[in-house]
Every structure is written in C-alpha cells, then in structure tokens.
C-alpha atoms as a PDB file:
ATOM      1  CA  MET A   1      24.905 144.196 -34.740  1.00  0.00           C
ATOM      2  CA  SER A   2      27.152 141.162 -34.842  1.00  0.00           C
ATOM      3  CA  ALA A   3      26.791 138.584 -37.602  1.00  0.00           C
ATOM      4  CA  LEU A   4      24.331 135.767 -36.965  1.00  0.00           C
ATOM      5  CA  PRO A   5      26.285 132.603 -36.134  1.00  0.00           C
ATOM      6  CA  TYR A   6      25.858 129.727 -38.564  1.00  0.00           C
ATOM      7  CA  ILE A   7      26.107 126.088 -37.431  1.00  0.00           C
ATOM      8  CA  ASP A   8      26.898 123.884 -40.404  1.00  0.00           C
ATOM      9  CA  GLY A   9      26.428 120.137 -40.722  1.00  0.00           C
ATOM     10  CA  PRO A  10      29.806 118.915 -39.405  1.00  0.00           C
ATOM     11  CA  VAL A  11      29.656 121.282 -36.441  1.00  0.00           C
ATOM     12  CA  LEU A  12      26.079 120.193 -35.681  1.00  0.00           C
ATOM     13  CA  GLU A  13      27.100 116.526 -35.677  1.00  0.00           C
ATOM     14  CA  ARG A  14      29.966 117.322 -33.311  1.00  0.00           C
ATOM     15  CA  LEU A  15      27.824 119.414 -30.948  1.00  0.00           C
ATOM     16  CA  VAL A  16      24.916 116.988 -30.843  1.00  0.00           C
ATOM     17  CA  PRO A  17      25.836 113.356 -31.507  1.00  0.00           C
ATOM     18  CA  VAL A  18      22.871 111.155 -32.301  1.00  0.00           C
ATOM     19  CA  GLY A  19      22.760 109.699 -28.788  1.00  0.00           C
ATOM     20  CA  ARG A  20      22.576 113.204 -27.352  1.00  0.00           C
ATOM     21  CA  ALA A  21      19.791 114.067 -29.816  1.00  0.00           C
ATOM     22  CA  VAL A  22      17.756 111.082 -28.593  1.00  0.00           C
ATOM     23  CA  ALA A  23      18.249 112.203 -24.996  1.00  0.00           C
ATOM     24  CA  VAL A  24      17.211 115.844 -25.492  1.00  0.00           C
ATOM     25  CA  LEU A  25      14.113 114.816 -27.447  1.00  0.00           C
ATOM     26  CA  GLU A  26      13.086 112.431 -24.670  1.00  0.00           C
ATOM     27  CA  GLN A  27      13.737 115.047 -22.001  1.00  0.00           C
ATOM     28  CA  ALA A  28      11.591 117.609 -23.833  1.00  0.00           C
ATOM     29  CA  LEU A  29       8.673 115.169 -23.805  1.00  0.00           C
ATOM     30  CA  ARG A  30       9.247 114.285 -20.148  1.00  0.00           C
ATOM     31  CA  ASP A  31       9.252 117.992 -19.332  1.00  0.00           C
ATOM     32  CA  GLY A  32       5.734 118.282 -20.711  1.00  0.00           C
ATOM     33  CA  LEU A  33       6.086 119.224 -24.371  1.00  0.00           C
ATOM     34  CA  ASP A  34       2.843 118.219 -26.080  1.00  0.00           C
ATOM     35  CA  PRO A  35       3.396 117.197 -29.740  1.00  0.00           C
ATOM     36  CA  GLU A  36      -0.313 117.704 -30.429  1.00  0.00           C
ATOM     37  CA  LEU A  37       0.102 121.486 -29.896  1.00  0.00           C
ATOM     38  CA  THR A  38       2.824 121.928 -32.512  1.00  0.00           C
ATOM     39  CA  PRO A  39       1.682 124.309 -35.287  1.00  0.00           C
ATOM     40  CA  ARG A  40       0.869 122.631 -38.579  1.00  0.00           C
ATOM     41  CA  ARG A  41       3.375 122.741 -41.436  1.00  0.00           C
ATOM     42  CA  PRO A  42       2.298 125.252 -44.117  1.00  0.00           C
ATOM     43  CA  ALA A  43       3.164 124.118 -47.628  1.00  0.00           C
ATOM     44  CA  VAL A  44       3.412 126.722 -50.379  1.00  0.00           C
ATOM     45  CA  ASP A  45       3.438 125.642 -54.014  1.00  0.00           C
ATOM     46  CA  LEU A  46       6.008 127.511 -56.085  1.00  0.00           C
ATOM     47  CA  PRO A  47       6.761 127.380 -59.840  1.00  0.00           C
ATOM     48  CA  ALA A  48       9.912 125.312 -59.189  1.00  0.00           C
ATOM     49  CA  GLY A  49       8.509 123.114 -56.436  1.00  0.00           C
ATOM     50  CA  GLN A  50       7.346 123.551 -52.874  1.00  0.00           C
ATOM     51  CA  LEU A  51       8.260 125.576 -49.790  1.00  0.00           C
ATOM     52  CA  LEU A  52       7.607 124.035 -46.372  1.00  0.00           C
ATOM     53  CA  LEU A  53       7.677 126.164 -43.206  1.00  0.00           C
ATOM     54  CA  MET A  54       7.999 124.463 -39.820  1.00  0.00           C
ATOM     55  CA  PRO A  55       7.536 126.882 -36.873  1.00  0.00           C
ATOM     56  CA  ALA A  56       7.622 125.907 -33.187  1.00  0.00           C
ATOM     57  CA  ALA A  57       8.073 127.411 -29.731  1.00  0.00           C
ATOM     58  CA  ALA A  58       8.965 125.658 -26.487  1.00  0.00           C
ATOM     59  CA  GLY A  59      10.677 126.776 -23.313  1.00  0.00           C
ATOM     60  CA  ARG A  60      13.293 129.479 -23.844  1.00  0.00           C
ATOM     61  CA  TYR A  61      13.378 129.156 -27.623  1.00  0.00           C
ATOM     62  CA  ALA A  62      11.355 129.490 -30.810  1.00  0.00           C
ATOM     63  CA  GLY A  63      12.335 128.792 -34.378  1.00  0.00           C
ATOM     64  CA  VAL A  64      11.345 127.980 -37.912  1.00  0.00           C
ATOM     65  CA  LYS A  65      12.770 125.662 -40.567  1.00  0.00           C
ATOM     66  CA  ALA A  66      12.324 126.647 -44.213  1.00  0.00           C
ATOM     67  CA  VAL A  67      12.667 123.676 -46.554  1.00  0.00           C
ATOM     68  CA  THR A  68      12.423 123.691 -50.333  1.00  0.00           C
ATOM     69  CA  VAL A  69      11.576 120.678 -52.477  1.00  0.00           C
ATOM     70  CA  THR A  70      12.649 121.075 -56.107  1.00  0.00           C
ATOM     71  CA  PRO A  71      12.043 117.941 -58.224  1.00  0.00           C
ATOM     72  CA  ALA A  72      14.217 119.149 -61.131  1.00  0.00           C
ATOM     73  CA  ASN A  73      17.270 119.866 -59.015  1.00  0.00           C
ATOM     74  CA  PRO A  74      18.930 116.407 -59.233  1.00  0.00           C
ATOM     75  CA  GLY A  75      19.142 116.883 -62.995  1.00  0.00           C
ATOM     76  CA  ARG A  76      21.040 120.107 -62.321  1.00  0.00           C
ATOM     77  CA  GLY A  77      23.402 118.436 -59.921  1.00  0.00           C
ATOM     78  CA  LEU A  78      21.705 120.096 -56.949  1.00  0.00           C
ATOM     79  CA  PRO A  79      19.914 118.575 -53.936  1.00  0.00           C
ATOM     80  CA  ARG A  80      16.206 117.907 -54.314  1.00  0.00           C
ATOM     81  CA  ILE A  81      15.649 119.145 -50.751  1.00  0.00           C
ATOM     82  CA  GLN A  82      17.398 122.174 -49.249  1.00  0.00           C
ATOM     83  CA  GLY A  83      16.746 124.098 -46.058  1.00  0.00           C
ATOM     84  CA  THR A  84      17.827 126.438 -43.301  1.00  0.00           C
ATOM     85  CA  TYR A  85      16.829 126.669 -39.638  1.00  0.00           C
ATOM     86  CA  LEU A  86      16.465 130.023 -37.818  1.00  0.00           C
ATOM     87  CA  LEU A  87      16.647 129.745 -34.022  1.00  0.00           C
ATOM     88  CA  LEU A  88      15.046 132.568 -32.010  1.00  0.00           C
ATOM     89  CA  ASP A  89      15.076 133.669 -28.388  1.00  0.00           C
ATOM     90  CA  GLY A  90      11.682 132.697 -26.984  1.00  0.00           C
ATOM     91  CA  PRO A  91      10.741 135.828 -24.993  1.00  0.00           C
ATOM     92  CA  THR A  92      12.042 138.422 -27.490  1.00  0.00           C
ATOM     93  CA  LEU A  93      12.011 136.473 -30.755  1.00  0.00           C
ATOM     94  CA  ALA A  94      15.455 137.899 -31.493  1.00  0.00           C
ATOM     95  CA  PRO A  95      17.473 135.755 -33.937  1.00  0.00           C
ATOM     96  CA  LEU A  96      20.165 133.696 -32.203  1.00  0.00           C
ATOM     97  CA  ALA A  97      21.611 131.408 -34.860  1.00  0.00           C
ATOM     98  CA  ALA A  98      21.087 129.808 -38.242  1.00  0.00           C
ATOM     99  CA  LEU A  99      21.671 126.114 -38.807  1.00  0.00           C
ATOM    100  CA  ASP A 100      22.022 123.805 -41.778  1.00  0.00           C
ATOM    101  CA  GLY A 101      18.376 122.666 -42.081  1.00  0.00           C
ATOM    102  CA  ILE A 102      19.075 119.483 -43.986  1.00  0.00           C
ATOM    103  CA  ALA A 103      21.768 118.358 -41.558  1.00  0.00           C
ATOM    104  CA  LEU A 104      19.332 119.103 -38.755  1.00  0.00           C
ATOM    105  CA  THR A 105      16.656 116.942 -40.416  1.00  0.00           C
ATOM    106  CA  SER A 106      19.172 114.182 -41.053  1.00  0.00           C
ATOM    107  CA  LEU A 107      19.961 114.136 -37.334  1.00  0.00           C
ATOM    108  CA  ARG A 108      16.605 114.590 -35.645  1.00  0.00           C
ATOM    109  CA  THR A 109      14.573 112.187 -37.828  1.00  0.00           C
ATOM    110  CA  PRO A 110      16.633 109.077 -36.976  1.00  0.00           C
ATOM    111  CA  ALA A 111      16.870 110.251 -33.364  1.00  0.00           C
ATOM    112  CA  VAL A 112      13.069 110.383 -33.120  1.00  0.00           C
ATOM    113  CA  SER A 113      12.855 106.904 -34.623  1.00  0.00           C
ATOM    114  CA  ALA A 114      15.417 105.614 -32.118  1.00  0.00           C
ATOM    115  CA  LEU A 115      13.433 107.138 -29.262  1.00  0.00           C
ATOM    116  CA  ALA A 116      10.373 105.168 -30.371  1.00  0.00           C
ATOM    117  CA  VAL A 117      12.337 101.980 -31.072  1.00  0.00           C
ATOM    118  CA  ALA A 118      13.807 102.090 -27.577  1.00  0.00           C
ATOM    119  CA  ARG A 119      10.270 101.657 -26.228  1.00  0.00           C
ATOM    120  CA  LEU A 120       8.771  99.387 -28.893  1.00  0.00           C
ATOM    121  CA  ALA A 121      11.436  96.947 -30.082  1.00  0.00           C
ATOM    122  CA  GLU A 122      12.441  93.650 -28.552  1.00  0.00           C
ATOM    123  CA  PRO A 123      15.511  94.138 -26.301  1.00  0.00           C
ATOM    124  CA  ASP A 124      17.698  91.765 -28.327  1.00  0.00           C
ATOM    125  CA  ALA A 125      16.801  93.171 -31.768  1.00  0.00           C
ATOM    126  CA  ARG A 126      19.890  92.481 -33.879  1.00  0.00           C
ATOM    127  CA  ARG A 127      18.773  92.202 -37.538  1.00  0.00           C
ATOM    128  CA  LEU A 128      17.900  95.466 -39.265  1.00  0.00           C
ATOM    129  CA  VAL A 129      16.476  95.896 -42.770  1.00  0.00           C
ATOM    130  CA  VAL A 130      16.727  99.398 -44.224  1.00  0.00           C
ATOM    131  CA  PHE A 131      14.785 100.451 -47.317  1.00  0.00           C
ATOM    132  CA  GLY A 132      16.636 103.311 -48.970  1.00  0.00           C
ATOM    133  CA  SER A 133      20.289 104.214 -49.474  1.00  0.00           C
ATOM    134  CA  GLY A 134      20.393 107.950 -48.780  1.00  0.00           C
ATOM    135  CA  PRO A 135      21.345 110.042 -45.743  1.00  0.00           C
ATOM    136  CA  GLN A 136      18.251 109.016 -43.767  1.00  0.00           C
ATOM    137  CA  ALA A 137      19.021 105.353 -44.334  1.00  0.00           C
ATOM    138  CA  TYR A 138      22.536 105.729 -42.938  1.00  0.00           C
ATOM    139  CA  GLY A 139      21.275 107.968 -40.173  1.00  0.00           C
ATOM    140  CA  HIS A 140      18.859 105.273 -39.060  1.00  0.00           C
ATOM    141  CA  VAL A 141      21.623 102.698 -38.954  1.00  0.00           C
ATOM    142  CA  LEU A 142      23.607 104.990 -36.647  1.00  0.00           C
ATOM    143  CA  ALA A 143      20.629 105.893 -34.473  1.00  0.00           C
ATOM    144  CA  LEU A 144      19.054 102.458 -34.080  1.00  0.00           C
ATOM    145  CA  ARG A 145      22.345 100.873 -33.033  1.00  0.00           C
ATOM    146  CA  GLU A 146      22.407 103.411 -30.200  1.00  0.00           C
ATOM    147  CA  VAL A 147      19.318 101.825 -28.642  1.00  0.00           C
ATOM    148  CA  ARG A 148      19.472  98.175 -29.762  1.00  0.00           C
ATOM    149  CA  PRO A 149      22.344  95.662 -30.266  1.00  0.00           C
ATOM    150  CA  VAL A 150      22.183  95.747 -34.083  1.00  0.00           C
ATOM    151  CA  GLU A 151      24.671  93.335 -35.657  1.00  0.00           C
ATOM    152  CA  HIS A 152      23.497  92.788 -39.238  1.00  0.00           C
ATOM    153  CA  VAL A 153      22.029  95.286 -41.703  1.00  0.00           C
ATOM    154  CA  THR A 154      20.330  94.505 -45.009  1.00  0.00           C
ATOM    155  CA  ILE A 155      20.229  97.513 -47.320  1.00  0.00           C
ATOM    156  CA  VAL A 156      17.395  97.405 -49.899  1.00  0.00           C
ATOM    157  CA  GLY A 157      17.803 100.062 -52.589  1.00  0.00           C
ATOM    158  CA  ARG A 158      16.788 100.817 -56.143  1.00  0.00           C
ATOM    159  CA  ASP A 159      20.357 101.600 -57.223  1.00  0.00           C
ATOM    160  CA  PRO A 160      22.749  98.650 -56.756  1.00  0.00           C
ATOM    161  CA  ALA A 161      25.817 100.892 -56.545  1.00  0.00           C
ATOM    162  CA  ARG A 162      24.332 103.114 -53.833  1.00  0.00           C
ATOM    163  CA  ALA A 163      23.085 100.110 -51.850  1.00  0.00           C
ATOM    164  CA  ALA A 164      26.552  98.577 -52.041  1.00  0.00           C
ATOM    165  CA  ALA A 165      28.180 101.860 -50.946  1.00  0.00           C
ATOM    166  CA  LEU A 166      25.906 102.116 -47.917  1.00  0.00           C
ATOM    167  CA  ALA A 167      26.576  98.492 -47.015  1.00  0.00           C
ATOM    168  CA  ALA A 168      30.299  99.286 -47.092  1.00  0.00           C
ATOM    169  CA  ARG A 169      29.747 102.203 -44.706  1.00  0.00           C
ATOM    170  CA  CYS A 170      27.876  99.846 -42.376  1.00  0.00           C
ATOM    171  CA  ARG A 171      30.779  97.395 -42.468  1.00  0.00           C
ATOM    172  CA  ALA A 172      33.060 100.232 -41.433  1.00  0.00           C
ATOM    173  CA  LEU A 173      30.968 100.382 -38.243  1.00  0.00           C
ATOM    174  CA  ASP A 174      31.858  96.695 -37.596  1.00  0.00           C
ATOM    175  CA  LEU A 175      28.406  95.539 -38.714  1.00  0.00           C
ATOM    176  CA  THR A 176      27.804  92.759 -41.204  1.00  0.00           C
ATOM    177  CA  ALA A 177      25.849  94.190 -44.136  1.00  0.00           C
ATOM    178  CA  THR A 178      24.169  92.861 -47.278  1.00  0.00           C
ATOM    179  CA  PRO A 179      23.083  95.106 -50.183  1.00  0.00           C
ATOM    180  CA  LEU A 180      19.980  94.030 -52.130  1.00  0.00           C
ATOM    181  CA  THR A 181      18.135  95.627 -55.004  1.00  0.00           C
ATOM    182  CA  ALA A 182      14.354  95.990 -55.310  1.00  0.00           C
ATOM    183  CA  GLY A 183      12.104  98.291 -57.307  1.00  0.00           C
ATOM    184  CA  PRO A 184      11.826 100.857 -58.538  1.00  0.00           C
ATOM    185  CA  PRO A 185       8.456 101.421 -56.884  1.00  0.00           C
ATOM    186  CA  THR A 186       5.940 103.563 -58.678  1.00  0.00           C
ATOM    187  CA  SER A 187       6.297 107.296 -58.174  1.00  0.00           C
ATOM    188  CA  GLU A 188       2.574 107.948 -58.683  1.00  0.00           C
ATOM    189  CA  PRO A 189       0.771 108.664 -55.375  1.00  0.00           C
ATOM    190  CA  LEU A 190      -2.632 107.244 -54.565  1.00  0.00           C
ATOM    191  CA  THR A 191      -5.442 109.768 -55.031  1.00  0.00           C
ATOM    192  CA  ALA A 192      -8.629 110.514 -53.192  1.00  0.00           C
ATOM    193  CA  GLU A 193     -10.362 108.313 -55.744  1.00  0.00           C
ATOM    194  CA  ALA A 194      -8.286 105.271 -54.797  1.00  0.00           C
ATOM    195  CA  PRO A 195     -10.132 101.942 -54.505  1.00  0.00           C
ATOM    196  CA  THR A 196     -12.017 101.307 -51.286  1.00  0.00           C
ATOM    197  CA  ALA A 197     -10.299  97.966 -50.686  1.00  0.00           C
ATOM    198  CA  GLU A 198      -6.667  97.069 -50.280  1.00  0.00           C
ATOM    199  CA  ALA A 199      -4.988  95.346 -53.198  1.00  0.00           C
ATOM    200  CA  PRO A 200      -1.439  94.015 -53.649  1.00  0.00           C
ATOM    201  CA  THR A 201       0.835  96.349 -55.556  1.00  0.00           C
ATOM    202  CA  ALA A 202       2.891  95.280 -58.551  1.00  0.00           C
ATOM    203  CA  GLU A 203       6.024  96.072 -56.553  1.00  0.00           C
ATOM    204  CA  ALA A 204       4.996  93.749 -53.749  1.00  0.00           C
ATOM    205  CA  ALA A 205       4.270  90.934 -56.170  1.00  0.00           C
ATOM    206  CA  ALA A 206       7.696  91.340 -57.779  1.00  0.00           C
ATOM    207  CA  LEU A 207       9.684  91.538 -54.532  1.00  0.00           C
ATOM    208  CA  PRO A 208      12.926  89.531 -54.884  1.00  0.00           C
ATOM    209  CA  GLY A 209      13.094  86.402 -52.768  1.00  0.00           C
ATOM    210  CA  ALA A 210      16.197  87.564 -50.881  1.00  0.00           C
ATOM    211  CA  VAL A 211      14.404  90.728 -49.826  1.00  0.00           C
ATOM    212  CA  ALA A 212      11.363  88.786 -48.695  1.00  0.00           C
ATOM    213  CA  ASP A 213      13.570  86.470 -46.661  1.00  0.00           C
ATOM    214  CA  ALA A 214      15.317  89.447 -45.020  1.00  0.00           C
ATOM    215  CA  ILE A 215      11.959  90.963 -44.058  1.00  0.00           C
ATOM    216  CA  ARG A 216      10.747  87.714 -42.527  1.00  0.00           C
ATOM    217  CA  ALA A 217      13.927  87.476 -40.403  1.00  0.00           C
ATOM    218  CA  ALA A 218      14.088  91.153 -39.423  1.00  0.00           C
ATOM    219  CA  ASP A 219      13.860  92.439 -35.866  1.00  0.00           C
ATOM    220  CA  LEU A 220      13.825  96.055 -37.082  1.00  0.00           C
ATOM    221  CA  ILE A 221      12.755  97.559 -40.419  1.00  0.00           C
ATOM    222  CA  ALA A 222      13.409 101.189 -41.324  1.00  0.00           C
ATOM    223  CA  CYS A 223      11.648 102.657 -44.359  1.00  0.00           C
ATOM    224  CA  CYS A 224      13.504 105.743 -45.568  1.00  0.00           C
ATOM    225  CA  THR A 225      12.398 106.199 -49.180  1.00  0.00           C
ATOM    226  CA  THR A 226      10.466 108.424 -51.554  1.00  0.00           C
ATOM    227  CA  ALA A 227       8.179 105.557 -52.527  1.00  0.00           C
ATOM    228  CA  ALA A 228       4.517 106.391 -53.098  1.00  0.00           C
ATOM    229  CA  GLN A 229       3.151 102.878 -52.591  1.00  0.00           C
ATOM    230  CA  PRO A 230       3.962 100.057 -50.132  1.00  0.00           C
ATOM    231  CA  LEU A 231       7.503  98.747 -50.226  1.00  0.00           C
ATOM    232  CA  PHE A 232       6.686  95.157 -49.218  1.00  0.00           C
ATOM    233  CA  PRO A 233       3.709  92.949 -48.377  1.00  0.00           C
ATOM    234  CA  GLY A 234       2.876  93.496 -44.735  1.00  0.00           C
ATOM    235  CA  LYS A 235       2.162  89.795 -44.244  1.00  0.00           C
ATOM    236  CA  LEU A 236       5.905  89.168 -44.486  1.00  0.00           C
ATOM    237  CA  ALA A 237       6.576  91.112 -41.270  1.00  0.00           C
ATOM    238  CA  ARG A 238       6.626  88.770 -38.288  1.00  0.00           C
ATOM    239  CA  ASP A 239       4.913  89.382 -34.981  1.00  0.00           C
ATOM    240  CA  GLY A 240       7.232  91.338 -32.695  1.00  0.00           C
ATOM    241  CA  VAL A 241       9.128  93.159 -35.468  1.00  0.00           C
ATOM    242  CA  THR A 242       9.356  96.941 -35.121  1.00  0.00           C
ATOM    243  CA  VAL A 243       8.900  98.998 -38.311  1.00  0.00           C
ATOM    244  CA  VAL A 244       9.603 102.711 -38.612  1.00  0.00           C
ATOM    245  CA  ALA A 245       8.366 104.616 -41.651  1.00  0.00           C
ATOM    246  CA  VAL A 246       9.782 108.122 -42.189  1.00  0.00           C
ATOM    247  CA  GLY A 247       9.781 108.620 -45.945  1.00  0.00           C
ATOM    248  CA  SER A 248       6.538 110.511 -46.512  1.00  0.00           C
ATOM    249  CA  HIS A 249       4.498 113.383 -45.115  1.00  0.00           C
ATOM    250  CA  GLU A 250       1.692 113.451 -47.651  1.00  0.00           C
ATOM    251  CA  PRO A 251      -1.805 111.942 -47.259  1.00  0.00           C
ATOM    252  CA  GLY A 252      -1.768 110.181 -50.623  1.00  0.00           C
ATOM    253  CA  VAL A 253       1.530 108.275 -50.370  1.00  0.00           C
ATOM    254  CA  ARG A 254       2.781 105.533 -48.069  1.00  0.00           C
ATOM    255  CA  GLU A 255       5.565 103.013 -47.522  1.00  0.00           C
ATOM    256  CA  LEU A 256       3.506 100.460 -45.520  1.00  0.00           C
ATOM    257  CA  ASP A 257       0.410  98.519 -46.599  1.00  0.00           C
ATOM    258  CA  GLY A 258      -2.864  98.226 -44.759  1.00  0.00           C
ATOM    259  CA  ASP A 259      -2.275  94.619 -43.781  1.00  0.00           C
ATOM    260  CA  LEU A 260       0.773  95.542 -41.710  1.00  0.00           C
ATOM    261  CA  VAL A 261      -0.835  98.624 -40.180  1.00  0.00           C
ATOM    262  CA  ALA A 262      -3.976  96.681 -39.224  1.00  0.00           C
ATOM    263  CA  ARG A 263      -1.950  93.953 -37.452  1.00  0.00           C
ATOM    264  CA  ALA A 264       0.332  96.380 -35.667  1.00  0.00           C
ATOM    265  CA  THR A 265       0.460  98.456 -32.538  1.00  0.00           C
ATOM    266  CA  VAL A 266       0.747 101.838 -34.250  1.00  0.00           C
ATOM    267  CA  VAL A 267       2.414 104.833 -32.597  1.00  0.00           C
ATOM    268  CA  VAL A 268       2.632 108.256 -34.253  1.00  0.00           C
ATOM    269  CA  GLU A 269       4.406 111.471 -33.325  1.00  0.00           C
ATOM    270  CA  ALA A 270       1.051 113.231 -32.886  1.00  0.00           C
ATOM    271  CA  ARG A 271      -2.421 112.053 -33.816  1.00  0.00           C
ATOM    272  CA  SER A 272      -3.300 115.456 -35.260  1.00  0.00           C
ATOM    273  CA  ALA A 273      -0.297 115.444 -37.610  1.00  0.00           C
ATOM    274  CA  ALA A 274      -0.689 111.788 -38.595  1.00  0.00           C
ATOM    275  CA  LEU A 275      -4.374 112.121 -39.471  1.00  0.00           C
ATOM    276  CA  GLU A 276      -3.553 115.105 -41.672  1.00  0.00           C
ATOM    277  CA  GLU A 277      -0.285 114.074 -43.304  1.00  0.00           C
ATOM    278  CA  ALA A 278       0.516 110.370 -42.897  1.00  0.00           C
ATOM    279  CA  GLY A 279      -0.732 108.351 -45.844  1.00  0.00           C
ATOM    280  CA  ASP A 280       0.444 105.197 -44.069  1.00  0.00           C
ATOM    281  CA  VAL A 281      -2.526 105.597 -41.716  1.00  0.00           C
ATOM    282  CA  ILE A 282      -4.846 107.870 -43.732  1.00  0.00           C
ATOM    283  CA  ILE A 283      -5.116 105.441 -46.659  1.00  0.00           C
ATOM    284  CA  PRO A 284      -6.036 102.368 -44.506  1.00  0.00           C
ATOM    285  CA  ILE A 285      -8.629 104.558 -42.712  1.00  0.00           C
ATOM    286  CA  ARG A 286     -10.067 105.625 -46.083  1.00  0.00           C
ATOM    287  CA  HIS A 287     -10.189 101.995 -47.199  1.00  0.00           C
ATOM    288  CA  GLY A 288     -11.971 100.973 -44.001  1.00  0.00           C
ATOM    289  CA  THR A 289      -9.063  98.729 -43.007  1.00  0.00           C
ATOM    290  CA  ILE A 290      -8.660 100.575 -39.680  1.00  0.00           C
ATOM    291  CA  THR A 291     -10.270 103.493 -37.859  1.00  0.00           C
ATOM    292  CA  SER A 292      -8.528 106.425 -36.225  1.00  0.00           C
ATOM    293  CA  GLY A 293      -9.014 104.625 -32.919  1.00  0.00           C
ATOM    294  CA  HIS A 294      -6.474 102.041 -34.085  1.00  0.00           C
ATOM    295  CA  LEU A 295      -3.659 104.456 -33.263  1.00  0.00           C
ATOM    296  CA  ALA A 296      -2.261 103.246 -29.951  1.00  0.00           C
ATOM    297  CA  GLY A 297      -0.742 106.547 -28.912  1.00  0.00           C
ATOM    298  CA  ASN A 298       1.579 109.424 -29.708  1.00  0.00           C
ATOM    299  CA  LEU A 299       5.252 109.732 -28.890  1.00  0.00           C
ATOM    300  CA  ALA A 300       4.696 111.529 -25.581  1.00  0.00           C
ATOM    301  CA  GLU A 301       2.313 108.791 -24.449  1.00  0.00           C
ATOM    302  CA  LEU A 302       4.830 106.141 -25.492  1.00  0.00           C
ATOM    303  CA  ILE A 303       7.571 107.802 -23.460  1.00  0.00           C
ATOM    304  CA  ALA A 304       5.260 108.093 -20.473  1.00  0.00           C
ATOM    305  CA  GLY A 305       4.600 104.337 -20.577  1.00  0.00           C
ATOM    306  CA  ARG A 306       0.974 104.664 -21.593  1.00  0.00           C
ATOM    307  CA  VAL A 307       1.285 102.526 -24.734  1.00  0.00           C
ATOM    308  CA  VAL A 308       1.321  98.728 -24.435  1.00  0.00           C
ATOM    309  CA  ALA A 309       2.527  96.841 -27.504  1.00  0.00           C
ATOM    310  CA  GLY A 310       0.270  94.011 -28.624  1.00  0.00           C
ATOM    311  CA  PRO A 311       1.304  90.572 -29.902  1.00  0.00           C
ATOM    312  CA  GLY A 312       1.690  91.635 -33.546  1.00  0.00           C
ATOM    313  CA  PRO A 313       4.189  93.962 -35.238  1.00  0.00           C
ATOM    314  CA  ARG A 314       4.939  97.409 -33.858  1.00  0.00           C
ATOM    315  CA  VAL A 315       4.867 100.429 -36.184  1.00  0.00           C
ATOM    316  CA  PHE A 316       6.152 103.947 -35.616  1.00  0.00           C
ATOM    317  CA  LYS A 317       5.019 106.362 -38.305  1.00  0.00           C
ATOM    318  CA  SER A 318       6.898 109.646 -38.500  1.00  0.00           C
ATOM    319  CA  THR A 319       6.109 112.656 -40.694  1.00  0.00           C
ATOM    320  CA  GLY A 320       8.614 114.978 -39.037  1.00  0.00           C
ATOM    321  CA  MET A 321       7.483 117.772 -36.713  1.00  0.00           C
ATOM    322  CA  ALA A 322       8.774 121.259 -36.002  1.00  0.00           C
ATOM    323  CA  TRP A 323       9.198 120.720 -32.249  1.00  0.00           C
ATOM    324  CA  GLN A 324      11.879 118.116 -32.981  1.00  0.00           C
ATOM    325  CA  ASP A 325      13.940 120.584 -35.030  1.00  0.00           C
ATOM    326  CA  LEU A 326      13.585 123.205 -32.304  1.00  0.00           C
ATOM    327  CA  VAL A 327      14.710 120.893 -29.484  1.00  0.00           C
ATOM    328  CA  VAL A 328      17.813 119.670 -31.351  1.00  0.00           C
ATOM    329  CA  ALA A 329      18.682 123.143 -32.691  1.00  0.00           C
ATOM    330  CA  ALA A 330      18.464 124.575 -29.181  1.00  0.00           C
ATOM    331  CA  ALA A 331      20.723 121.824 -27.857  1.00  0.00           C
ATOM    332  CA  ALA A 332      23.267 122.599 -30.589  1.00  0.00           C
ATOM    333  CA  TYR A 333      23.154 126.326 -29.831  1.00  0.00           C
ATOM    334  CA  GLU A 334      23.637 125.795 -26.112  1.00  0.00           C
ATOM    335  CA  ALA A 335      26.600 123.488 -26.770  1.00  0.00           C
ATOM    336  CA  TRP A 336      28.052 126.059 -29.184  1.00  0.00           C
ATOM    337  CA  LYS A 337      27.825 129.077 -26.837  1.00  0.00           C
END
C-alpha cells in the first residue's frame, strides 16, 4: 500500500487560491448540496481540552476533520487549535489524502464569508473593519477583497503589536490600513442563567472613539475573535453595512449584540447548526429580542436568490460546517492528482 499523500498549508494555498475556494463552495450549493443535512459536530471533552470531529459526505467524496482545542498550549509555545483532515473516496470510503486541517479552516472560513458578502454587501463596499489580528483576520482581508473593491482596512486588536503587524501586511496588498487597539473583552461566556434582557457590556461602554468612528463609517465588518461577549454596540453599525461573525461556535458566547441582530437581515450557514451552536442568534432568542423566524435564510437560499436584504444592516453568522471542509479538500485533491 502506498503512503497516504499529505497536502500541507503552502501546497493547499497554491492548489486552491481563495477565489477558487469561493467558486467551488458556490458550485456545491448550486449543485444541490443542502447545508441543513450536514451531520452535527461531535465535541468530546478531554483532560487537556476538547476534540471536535467534523464528518461530511457529498458527491464522490467523504471526509472528516479532527480538531483539538488546548487552552494551555500557547503557554507551551504551541498552537491553541490543531487539526488534520482525512479525505475519503465516497463509494468505498478508502482514504485518499490527508490535509493540514488548520490551513484548510483558514482557507474555507473566509471563503464562505466572501460567498455571503458577494450577495449581501453593497457593490461599492470599500471600507472594511476587522476585529482580530490572527490568521482568520488576514484571511478575511484576502477573501473579501476578492468580491468587493476594498480599499481601506481598520484592524482592531487587543495586542497593539499584532494589530500593527497585520496592518503592515494589508499595506503590502496596496491597501491603506489603520491599526487600533480595543479590549481585552471578557473571556467569560454567558450562561444559561444570563439575564432575560439585553444590557450594554463594559467593553462596549469603553470602546475607544477611533474604533467607534471606524464602525460608523464601515461598509464591511469582519469579526474574527475569541471574544465571549459583544465586540461593539450594535447601534453604531449603519444601515446597509454587512457584518460577518466567525469567531464562535458555542451557544453561550457571541461577538454581536442583540440590537444589531434584531435590526439586521440575518443569514446563517444552516438554521439547524445556528440554532444549536451560534450564540450570536441563540442569546437574542433566549432574551426575547428575536425569534427563530428572524433568520432570513441559510447560505443555499442566499445563493439561490431567495433572501432579500432589508433596509437595515446585513449579518452573516458562521459557525463553520463540515461540508465546507469537504468541498475545499476535494478541490485540492483533484488539483493535486
């Protein structure tokens, strides 16, 4: 038996540039893939952290991503999140290839956001605010400029040095970029016993004026953080702005407040996943701010033209789904063969 091929991060980026990732994800939905039928993501608690398993099957392929979350790893000089993807032949379930799971996540998550932004955002959206300064933040800069004429990026981070470094990378893309510092937000998630009415967070009240001004002027806002509570007061977001939130997949944490969600046309990857995992919509439902009927549609419905954006903000809430990994991994494998 020959050795299983391994597609690492640099090879994956070469085989499937972000624009190609957006295209294959859209084509999968147009070909009839139903996000609502994707198996749920089992989470297994381990002594050192958590193991997430993300299985999916579609067309000629199946696969599973195994991701570990180890909170103590940064103190050891290791990544907090690690992972590997195993791609399988659909009919036989024979292993075909292994891929760098984190590189795969770093590619497909911004590509999914860009796919939604291409349908939700104003055509001339040029001013982007990014919360976060890690790989997902940079990935969203790359992906969103594929679908909108982004010219200026404001990076809002907790660490001034990291925000400045990401701004420098944006300038290398011939964008104007401004690093700002805000936070740190609380790391304590809301619980099931959270209050039944929305209340401003301490972080929102302390938001620096320059950050507030950037939010008011933004055409696009990308939230790519590990924050447990809202990053900014939703009332700052103007009508017509498009906000993507990708930083959480737990029901008790969120990056967006109920005010923004209630005003917005809200699109999710899949209603079933959002109502189980997305605190950005679960918490406002629990507070009575919205009902589940407030969700305007899922990603497949958006692509099919069955979602009409209202006059307020537009929100795309992503938790990450296994079908997305499968589609991009299959595209990489087919380009590699």
